């Protein structure tokens, strides 16, 4: 297994993995264009790949807003979960985040206990009683 930077040719396999793991959503702007725009603004997108099998097995997307790094779209193919690859990919993203010199934030579903255990092992702490809100169509809001 290797960890490498995303390239645009990866996108169809990325979407396949995201759909398999249930994190894909067109409403969240999960597009090849959004990845490129984020990366041009200082983000980074890492791929976990088995080059011998030709399989893309994990992703983690880091965006930077000037004061913190946000980890998004962190997923590992189900058939290799529990074998340490998630921890390896997460640690690699934390190494990359060191370049920014700021805190790292992520969001996780409260019922994803496996991920929560991993994040706690990696030093993440729950941030207060925080709720996340998302407006996927601000134009419609402004028209009403």
N, C-alpha and C. Protein backbone atom coordinates (compact mmCIF):
# COMPACT_ATOMS: atom_id res chain seq x y z
N UNK A 1 0.85 -1.18 0.00
CA UNK A 1 0.00 0.00 0.00
C UNK A 1 0.89 1.23 0.00
N UNK A 2 0.45 2.24 -0.72
CA UNK A 2 1.15 3.52 -0.72
C UNK A 2 0.15 4.63 -0.42
N UNK A 3 0.68 5.74 0.08
CA UNK A 3 -0.11 6.96 0.26
C UNK A 3 0.51 7.99 -0.67
N UNK A 4 -0.33 8.59 -1.47
CA UNK A 4 0.15 9.56 -2.46
C UNK A 4 -0.86 10.69 -2.60
N UNK A 5 -0.43 11.73 -3.30
CA UNK A 5 -1.33 12.85 -3.58
C UNK A 5 -2.36 12.46 -4.65
N UNK A 6 -3.53 13.02 -4.51
CA UNK A 6 -4.61 12.86 -5.48
C UNK A 6 -4.20 13.47 -6.81
N UNK A 7 -4.66 12.86 -7.90
CA UNK A 7 -4.57 13.48 -9.22
C UNK A 7 -5.95 13.39 -9.87
N UNK A 8 -6.28 14.30 -10.78
CA UNK A 8 -7.63 14.35 -11.34
C UNK A 8 -8.13 13.02 -11.94
N UNK A 9 -7.22 12.22 -12.45
CA UNK A 9 -7.61 10.93 -13.03
C UNK A 9 -8.17 9.97 -11.98
N UNK A 10 -7.92 10.25 -10.70
CA UNK A 10 -8.42 9.41 -9.61
C UNK A 10 -9.91 9.58 -9.36
N UNK A 11 -10.49 10.67 -9.81
CA UNK A 11 -11.83 11.02 -9.36
C UNK A 11 -12.89 9.93 -9.56
N UNK A 12 -12.97 9.26 -10.71
CA UNK A 12 -14.00 8.21 -10.84
C UNK A 12 -13.84 7.10 -9.78
N UNK A 13 -12.62 6.71 -9.48
CA UNK A 13 -12.41 5.67 -8.46
C UNK A 13 -12.67 6.21 -7.06
N UNK A 14 -12.41 7.49 -6.85
CA UNK A 14 -12.71 8.12 -5.56
C UNK A 14 -14.22 8.10 -5.32
N UNK A 15 -14.97 8.50 -6.33
CA UNK A 15 -16.44 8.50 -6.19
C UNK A 15 -16.94 7.08 -5.94
N UNK A 16 -16.39 6.12 -6.62
CA UNK A 16 -16.78 4.71 -6.39
C UNK A 16 -16.57 4.33 -4.93
N UNK A 17 -15.42 4.68 -4.38
CA UNK A 17 -15.12 4.37 -2.97
C UNK A 17 -16.06 5.13 -2.04
N UNK A 18 -16.27 6.42 -2.31
CA UNK A 18 -17.16 7.22 -1.47
C UNK A 18 -18.57 6.66 -1.48
N UNK A 19 -19.04 6.22 -2.63
CA UNK A 19 -20.38 5.63 -2.70
C UNK A 19 -20.42 4.32 -1.92
N UNK A 20 -19.37 3.49 -2.06
CA UNK A 20 -19.32 2.22 -1.34
C UNK A 20 -19.35 2.43 0.16
N UNK A 21 -18.71 3.49 0.63
CA UNK A 21 -18.63 3.73 2.08
C UNK A 21 -19.70 4.70 2.59
N UNK A 22 -20.53 5.20 1.69
CA UNK A 22 -21.66 6.01 2.09
C UNK A 22 -21.36 7.46 2.40
N UNK A 23 -20.23 7.99 1.95
CA UNK A 23 -19.94 9.39 2.27
C UNK A 23 -20.13 10.32 1.07
N UNK A 24 -20.51 9.80 -0.07
CA UNK A 24 -20.65 10.62 -1.26
C UNK A 24 -21.98 11.39 -1.24
N UNK A 25 -21.93 12.65 -1.61
CA UNK A 25 -23.13 13.47 -1.72
C UNK A 25 -22.89 14.60 -2.70
N UNK A 26 -23.67 14.62 -3.76
CA UNK A 26 -23.56 15.72 -4.72
C UNK A 26 -23.91 17.04 -4.07
N UNK A 27 -24.81 17.02 -3.09
CA UNK A 27 -25.23 18.25 -2.40
C UNK A 27 -24.07 18.90 -1.65
N UNK A 28 -23.07 18.12 -1.29
CA UNK A 28 -21.92 18.66 -0.55
C UNK A 28 -20.82 19.15 -1.48
N UNK A 29 -21.10 19.20 -2.76
CA UNK A 29 -20.12 19.65 -3.76
C UNK A 29 -18.92 18.70 -3.80
N UNK A 30 -19.21 17.40 -3.77
CA UNK A 30 -18.16 16.39 -3.89
C UNK A 30 -17.85 16.19 -5.37
N UNK A 31 -17.13 17.15 -5.94
CA UNK A 31 -16.83 17.11 -7.37
C UNK A 31 -15.33 17.21 -7.60
N UNK A 32 -14.92 16.78 -8.79
CA UNK A 32 -13.52 16.90 -9.17
C UNK A 32 -13.09 18.37 -9.17
N UNK A 33 -13.98 19.24 -9.60
CA UNK A 33 -13.68 20.67 -9.64
C UNK A 33 -13.47 21.23 -8.23
N UNK A 34 -14.32 20.83 -7.29
CA UNK A 34 -14.15 21.35 -5.93
C UNK A 34 -12.85 20.87 -5.30
N UNK A 35 -12.45 19.64 -5.60
CA UNK A 35 -11.16 19.15 -5.09
C UNK A 35 -10.02 20.01 -5.63
N UNK A 36 -10.03 20.26 -6.93
CA UNK A 36 -8.96 21.06 -7.53
C UNK A 36 -8.94 22.48 -6.97
N UNK A 37 -10.12 23.10 -6.82
CA UNK A 37 -10.19 24.46 -6.26
C UNK A 37 -9.64 24.49 -4.83
N UNK A 38 -10.05 23.52 -4.02
CA UNK A 38 -9.55 23.47 -2.63
C UNK A 38 -8.05 23.28 -2.59
N UNK A 39 -7.55 22.37 -3.42
CA UNK A 39 -6.11 22.13 -3.42
C UNK A 39 -5.32 23.35 -3.89
N UNK A 40 -5.87 24.11 -4.84
CA UNK A 40 -5.20 25.34 -5.30
C UNK A 40 -5.16 26.39 -4.19
N UNK A 41 -6.09 26.31 -3.25
CA UNK A 41 -6.16 27.28 -2.14
C UNK A 41 -5.43 26.77 -0.90
N UNK A 42 -4.58 25.78 -1.07
CA UNK A 42 -3.77 25.32 0.06
C UNK A 42 -4.19 24.00 0.65
N UNK A 43 -5.21 23.37 0.09
CA UNK A 43 -5.63 22.07 0.59
C UNK A 43 -4.76 20.94 0.08
N UNK A 44 -5.07 19.77 0.56
CA UNK A 44 -4.32 18.58 0.15
C UNK A 44 -5.27 17.40 0.20
N UNK A 45 -5.12 16.49 -0.74
CA UNK A 45 -5.98 15.32 -0.83
C UNK A 45 -5.07 14.11 -0.97
N UNK A 46 -5.17 13.18 -0.03
CA UNK A 46 -4.32 11.99 -0.05
C UNK A 46 -5.13 10.75 -0.42
N UNK A 47 -4.46 9.86 -1.11
CA UNK A 47 -5.03 8.61 -1.60
C UNK A 47 -4.25 7.45 -0.98
N UNK A 48 -4.97 6.44 -0.49
CA UNK A 48 -4.38 5.17 -0.07
C UNK A 48 -4.63 4.20 -1.20
N UNK A 49 -3.56 3.67 -1.78
CA UNK A 49 -3.70 2.85 -2.97
C UNK A 49 -2.85 1.59 -2.87
N UNK A 50 -3.37 0.51 -3.40
CA UNK A 50 -2.61 -0.72 -3.58
C UNK A 50 -2.23 -0.78 -5.05
N UNK A 51 -1.02 -0.35 -5.39
CA UNK A 51 -0.65 -0.28 -6.81
C UNK A 51 -0.58 -1.65 -7.48
N UNK A 52 -0.27 -2.69 -6.71
CA UNK A 52 -0.20 -4.03 -7.30
C UNK A 52 -1.58 -4.52 -7.73
N UNK A 53 -2.57 -4.28 -6.89
CA UNK A 53 -3.94 -4.69 -7.21
C UNK A 53 -4.67 -3.64 -8.05
N UNK A 54 -4.10 -2.43 -8.12
CA UNK A 54 -4.75 -1.35 -8.85
C UNK A 54 -5.98 -0.82 -8.15
N UNK A 55 -6.03 -0.96 -6.82
CA UNK A 55 -7.22 -0.53 -6.09
C UNK A 55 -6.96 0.71 -5.27
N UNK A 56 -7.93 1.60 -5.29
CA UNK A 56 -7.91 2.80 -4.47
C UNK A 56 -8.69 2.44 -3.21
N UNK A 57 -8.04 2.49 -2.04
CA UNK A 57 -8.61 1.94 -0.82
C UNK A 57 -8.89 2.95 0.28
N UNK A 58 -8.52 4.20 0.08
CA UNK A 58 -8.78 5.19 1.11
C UNK A 58 -8.56 6.60 0.60
N UNK A 59 -9.24 7.55 1.27
CA UNK A 59 -9.05 8.97 0.94
C UNK A 59 -9.08 9.78 2.22
N UNK A 60 -8.42 10.91 2.18
CA UNK A 60 -8.57 11.94 3.20
C UNK A 60 -8.29 13.27 2.51
N UNK A 61 -9.18 14.22 2.74
CA UNK A 61 -9.13 15.52 2.07
C UNK A 61 -8.94 16.58 3.13
N UNK A 62 -7.90 17.37 2.99
CA UNK A 62 -7.60 18.43 3.94
C UNK A 62 -7.83 19.77 3.26
N UNK A 63 -8.63 20.61 3.90
CA UNK A 63 -8.81 21.98 3.41
C UNK A 63 -8.28 22.92 4.48
N UNK A 64 -7.92 24.11 4.06
CA UNK A 64 -7.30 25.08 4.96
C UNK A 64 -8.03 26.40 4.82
N UNK A 65 -8.50 26.95 5.95
CA UNK A 65 -9.25 28.20 5.89
C UNK A 65 -8.46 29.39 6.44
N UNK A 66 -7.18 29.21 6.68
CA UNK A 66 -6.35 30.30 7.19
C UNK A 66 -6.15 30.24 8.69
N UNK A 67 -6.98 29.49 9.40
CA UNK A 67 -6.80 29.37 10.85
C UNK A 67 -6.82 27.94 11.34
N UNK A 68 -7.34 27.02 10.53
CA UNK A 68 -7.29 25.60 10.89
C UNK A 68 -7.36 24.74 9.64
N UNK A 69 -6.91 23.51 9.80
CA UNK A 69 -7.02 22.50 8.74
C UNK A 69 -8.27 21.68 9.06
N UNK A 70 -9.08 21.43 8.05
CA UNK A 70 -10.27 20.60 8.20
C UNK A 70 -10.02 19.28 7.48
N UNK A 71 -10.27 18.18 8.18
CA UNK A 71 -10.17 16.86 7.55
C UNK A 71 -11.57 16.46 7.08
N UNK A 72 -11.66 16.10 5.82
CA UNK A 72 -12.93 15.72 5.21
C UNK A 72 -12.76 14.38 4.49
N UNK A 73 -13.87 13.74 4.22
CA UNK A 73 -13.90 12.60 3.30
C UNK A 73 -12.84 11.55 3.63
N UNK A 74 -12.72 11.29 4.92
CA UNK A 74 -11.78 10.27 5.39
C UNK A 74 -12.51 8.94 5.36
N UNK A 75 -12.06 8.06 4.51
CA UNK A 75 -12.71 6.75 4.40
C UNK A 75 -11.71 5.68 4.00
N UNK A 76 -12.00 4.48 4.44
CA UNK A 76 -11.20 3.31 4.12
C UNK A 76 -12.15 2.24 3.58
N UNK A 77 -11.74 1.59 2.52
CA UNK A 77 -12.57 0.52 1.93
C UNK A 77 -12.89 -0.51 3.01
N UNK A 78 -14.16 -0.90 3.14
CA UNK A 78 -14.57 -1.80 4.22
C UNK A 78 -13.76 -3.10 4.33
N UNK A 79 -13.34 -3.68 3.21
CA UNK A 79 -12.62 -4.95 3.27
C UNK A 79 -11.24 -4.85 3.90
N UNK A 80 -10.72 -3.63 4.08
CA UNK A 80 -9.41 -3.49 4.75
C UNK A 80 -9.50 -2.72 6.06
N UNK A 81 -10.72 -2.39 6.49
CA UNK A 81 -10.87 -1.70 7.78
C UNK A 81 -10.42 -2.62 8.91
N UNK A 82 -9.91 -2.01 9.97
CA UNK A 82 -9.48 -2.76 11.13
C UNK A 82 -8.09 -3.34 10.99
N UNK A 83 -7.36 -2.97 9.95
CA UNK A 83 -6.01 -3.50 9.71
C UNK A 83 -4.93 -2.43 9.87
N UNK A 84 -5.32 -1.26 10.39
CA UNK A 84 -4.33 -0.20 10.64
C UNK A 84 -4.15 0.80 9.53
N UNK A 85 -4.82 0.59 8.39
CA UNK A 85 -4.62 1.52 7.28
C UNK A 85 -5.27 2.88 7.53
N UNK A 86 -6.38 2.91 8.24
CA UNK A 86 -7.00 4.19 8.58
C UNK A 86 -6.08 5.01 9.46
N UNK A 87 -5.49 4.38 10.46
CA UNK A 87 -4.56 5.07 11.34
C UNK A 87 -3.35 5.58 10.55
N UNK A 88 -2.85 4.75 9.65
CA UNK A 88 -1.70 5.15 8.84
C UNK A 88 -2.04 6.36 7.98
N UNK A 89 -3.20 6.33 7.32
CA UNK A 89 -3.60 7.45 6.46
C UNK A 89 -3.85 8.70 7.30
N UNK A 90 -4.49 8.56 8.44
CA UNK A 90 -4.75 9.71 9.31
C UNK A 90 -3.45 10.33 9.80
N UNK A 91 -2.50 9.49 10.21
CA UNK A 91 -1.21 10.01 10.68
C UNK A 91 -0.48 10.75 9.56
N UNK A 92 -0.57 10.24 8.35
CA UNK A 92 0.07 10.92 7.22
C UNK A 92 -0.57 12.29 6.99
N UNK A 93 -1.88 12.38 7.16
CA UNK A 93 -2.55 13.69 7.00
C UNK A 93 -2.12 14.64 8.11
N UNK A 94 -1.95 14.12 9.32
CA UNK A 94 -1.49 14.98 10.42
C UNK A 94 -0.07 15.49 10.17
N UNK A 95 0.77 14.65 9.57
CA UNK A 95 2.12 15.12 9.20
C UNK A 95 2.03 16.27 8.21
N UNK A 96 1.15 16.12 7.22
CA UNK A 96 0.97 17.19 6.23
C UNK A 96 0.41 18.44 6.90
N UNK A 97 -0.49 18.26 7.87
CA UNK A 97 -1.11 19.40 8.55
C UNK A 97 -0.10 20.19 9.38
N UNK A 98 0.98 19.56 9.79
CA UNK A 98 2.01 20.28 10.56
C UNK A 98 2.55 21.48 9.79
N UNK A 99 2.57 21.39 8.47
CA UNK A 99 3.07 22.49 7.64
C UNK A 99 2.25 23.77 7.84
N UNK A 100 0.99 23.64 8.22
CA UNK A 100 0.11 24.79 8.39
C UNK A 100 0.32 25.46 9.75
N UNK A 101 0.80 24.70 10.74
CA UNK A 101 1.03 25.26 12.06
C UNK A 101 -0.22 25.71 12.78
N UNK A 102 -1.31 24.97 12.63
CA UNK A 102 -2.57 25.35 13.27
C UNK A 102 -3.35 24.10 13.69
N UNK A 103 -4.44 24.27 14.43
CA UNK A 103 -5.24 23.12 14.85
C UNK A 103 -5.86 22.38 13.66
N UNK A 104 -6.22 21.13 13.91
CA UNK A 104 -6.87 20.29 12.90
C UNK A 104 -8.26 19.92 13.41
N UNK A 105 -9.26 20.12 12.56
CA UNK A 105 -10.65 19.88 12.93
C UNK A 105 -11.24 18.82 12.01
N UNK A 106 -12.14 18.02 12.56
CA UNK A 106 -12.89 17.08 11.73
C UNK A 106 -14.28 16.92 12.29
N UNK A 107 -15.16 16.36 11.50
CA UNK A 107 -16.52 16.06 11.92
C UNK A 107 -16.74 14.58 11.74
N UNK A 108 -17.53 14.00 12.63
CA UNK A 108 -17.81 12.57 12.56
C UNK A 108 -19.23 12.32 13.05
N UNK A 109 -19.90 11.37 12.41
CA UNK A 109 -21.24 10.99 12.89
C UNK A 109 -21.13 10.38 14.27
N UNK A 110 -22.03 10.76 15.16
CA UNK A 110 -21.97 10.29 16.55
C UNK A 110 -22.07 8.79 16.68
N UNK A 111 -22.65 8.10 15.68
CA UNK A 111 -22.76 6.65 15.77
C UNK A 111 -21.57 5.91 15.14
N UNK A 112 -20.60 6.63 14.65
CA UNK A 112 -19.41 6.01 14.05
C UNK A 112 -18.35 5.79 15.13
N UNK A 113 -18.63 4.86 16.01
CA UNK A 113 -17.76 4.63 17.17
C UNK A 113 -16.36 4.18 16.78
N UNK A 114 -16.23 3.40 15.73
CA UNK A 114 -14.90 2.96 15.28
C UNK A 114 -14.02 4.18 14.94
N UNK A 115 -14.59 5.11 14.20
CA UNK A 115 -13.84 6.32 13.82
C UNK A 115 -13.54 7.17 15.05
N UNK A 116 -14.52 7.31 15.94
CA UNK A 116 -14.33 8.12 17.14
C UNK A 116 -13.18 7.57 17.98
N UNK A 117 -13.12 6.26 18.14
CA UNK A 117 -12.00 5.65 18.89
C UNK A 117 -10.66 5.98 18.24
N UNK A 118 -10.61 5.90 16.91
CA UNK A 118 -9.37 6.23 16.19
C UNK A 118 -9.00 7.68 16.42
N UNK A 119 -9.96 8.59 16.28
CA UNK A 119 -9.66 10.01 16.44
C UNK A 119 -9.17 10.32 17.85
N UNK A 120 -9.76 9.69 18.85
CA UNK A 120 -9.30 9.90 20.22
C UNK A 120 -7.87 9.41 20.40
N UNK A 121 -7.54 8.27 19.80
CA UNK A 121 -6.17 7.74 19.87
C UNK A 121 -5.18 8.70 19.20
N UNK A 122 -5.67 9.44 18.23
CA UNK A 122 -4.82 10.39 17.51
C UNK A 122 -4.81 11.78 18.14
N UNK A 123 -5.40 11.91 19.33
CA UNK A 123 -5.33 13.17 20.07
C UNK A 123 -6.48 14.13 19.85
N UNK A 124 -7.49 13.75 19.09
CA UNK A 124 -8.64 14.62 18.89
C UNK A 124 -9.54 14.57 20.12
N UNK A 125 -10.15 15.70 20.43
CA UNK A 125 -11.08 15.80 21.54
C UNK A 125 -12.38 16.40 21.03
N UNK A 126 -13.49 15.97 21.61
CA UNK A 126 -14.78 16.53 21.21
C UNK A 126 -14.79 18.02 21.52
N UNK A 127 -15.28 18.80 20.59
CA UNK A 127 -15.31 20.25 20.71
C UNK A 127 -16.67 20.69 21.24
N UNK A 128 -16.75 20.90 22.53
CA UNK A 128 -17.96 21.36 23.20
C UNK A 128 -19.16 20.52 22.79
N UNK A 129 -20.33 21.10 22.78
CA UNK A 129 -21.54 20.42 22.30
C UNK A 129 -21.87 21.04 20.95
N UNK A 130 -21.10 20.73 19.97
CA UNK A 130 -21.07 21.39 18.69
C UNK A 130 -22.03 20.73 17.70
N UNK A 131 -22.86 21.52 17.02
CA UNK A 131 -23.73 21.04 15.96
C UNK A 131 -23.27 21.66 14.65
N UNK A 132 -23.37 20.91 13.58
CA UNK A 132 -22.94 21.37 12.26
C UNK A 132 -24.17 21.65 11.41
N UNK A 133 -24.20 22.79 10.75
CA UNK A 133 -25.29 23.16 9.87
C UNK A 133 -24.71 23.41 8.48
N UNK A 134 -25.47 23.10 7.45
CA UNK A 134 -25.01 23.24 6.08
C UNK A 134 -26.15 23.77 5.23
N UNK A 135 -25.92 24.84 4.51
CA UNK A 135 -26.87 25.36 3.53
C UNK A 135 -26.35 24.96 2.16
N UNK A 136 -27.02 24.03 1.51
CA UNK A 136 -26.54 23.53 0.22
C UNK A 136 -27.04 24.35 -0.96
N UNK A 137 -27.92 25.32 -0.70
CA UNK A 137 -28.45 26.13 -1.79
C UNK A 137 -28.70 27.56 -1.32
N UNK A 138 -27.62 28.34 -1.11
CA UNK A 138 -27.81 29.71 -0.63
C UNK A 138 -28.58 30.59 -1.62
N UNK A 139 -28.48 30.30 -2.91
CA UNK A 139 -29.22 31.11 -3.91
C UNK A 139 -30.72 31.01 -3.67
N UNK A 140 -31.22 29.82 -3.38
CA UNK A 140 -32.65 29.64 -3.11
C UNK A 140 -33.05 30.37 -1.85
N UNK A 141 -32.19 30.37 -0.86
CA UNK A 141 -32.47 31.08 0.39
C UNK A 141 -32.60 32.57 0.14
N UNK A 142 -31.72 33.11 -0.67
CA UNK A 142 -31.72 34.54 -0.93
C UNK A 142 -32.90 34.96 -1.81
N UNK A 143 -33.41 34.05 -2.64
CA UNK A 143 -34.57 34.35 -3.50
C UNK A 143 -35.87 34.36 -2.68
N UNK A 144 -35.89 33.69 -1.55
CA UNK A 144 -37.15 33.59 -0.80
C UNK A 144 -37.35 34.76 0.14
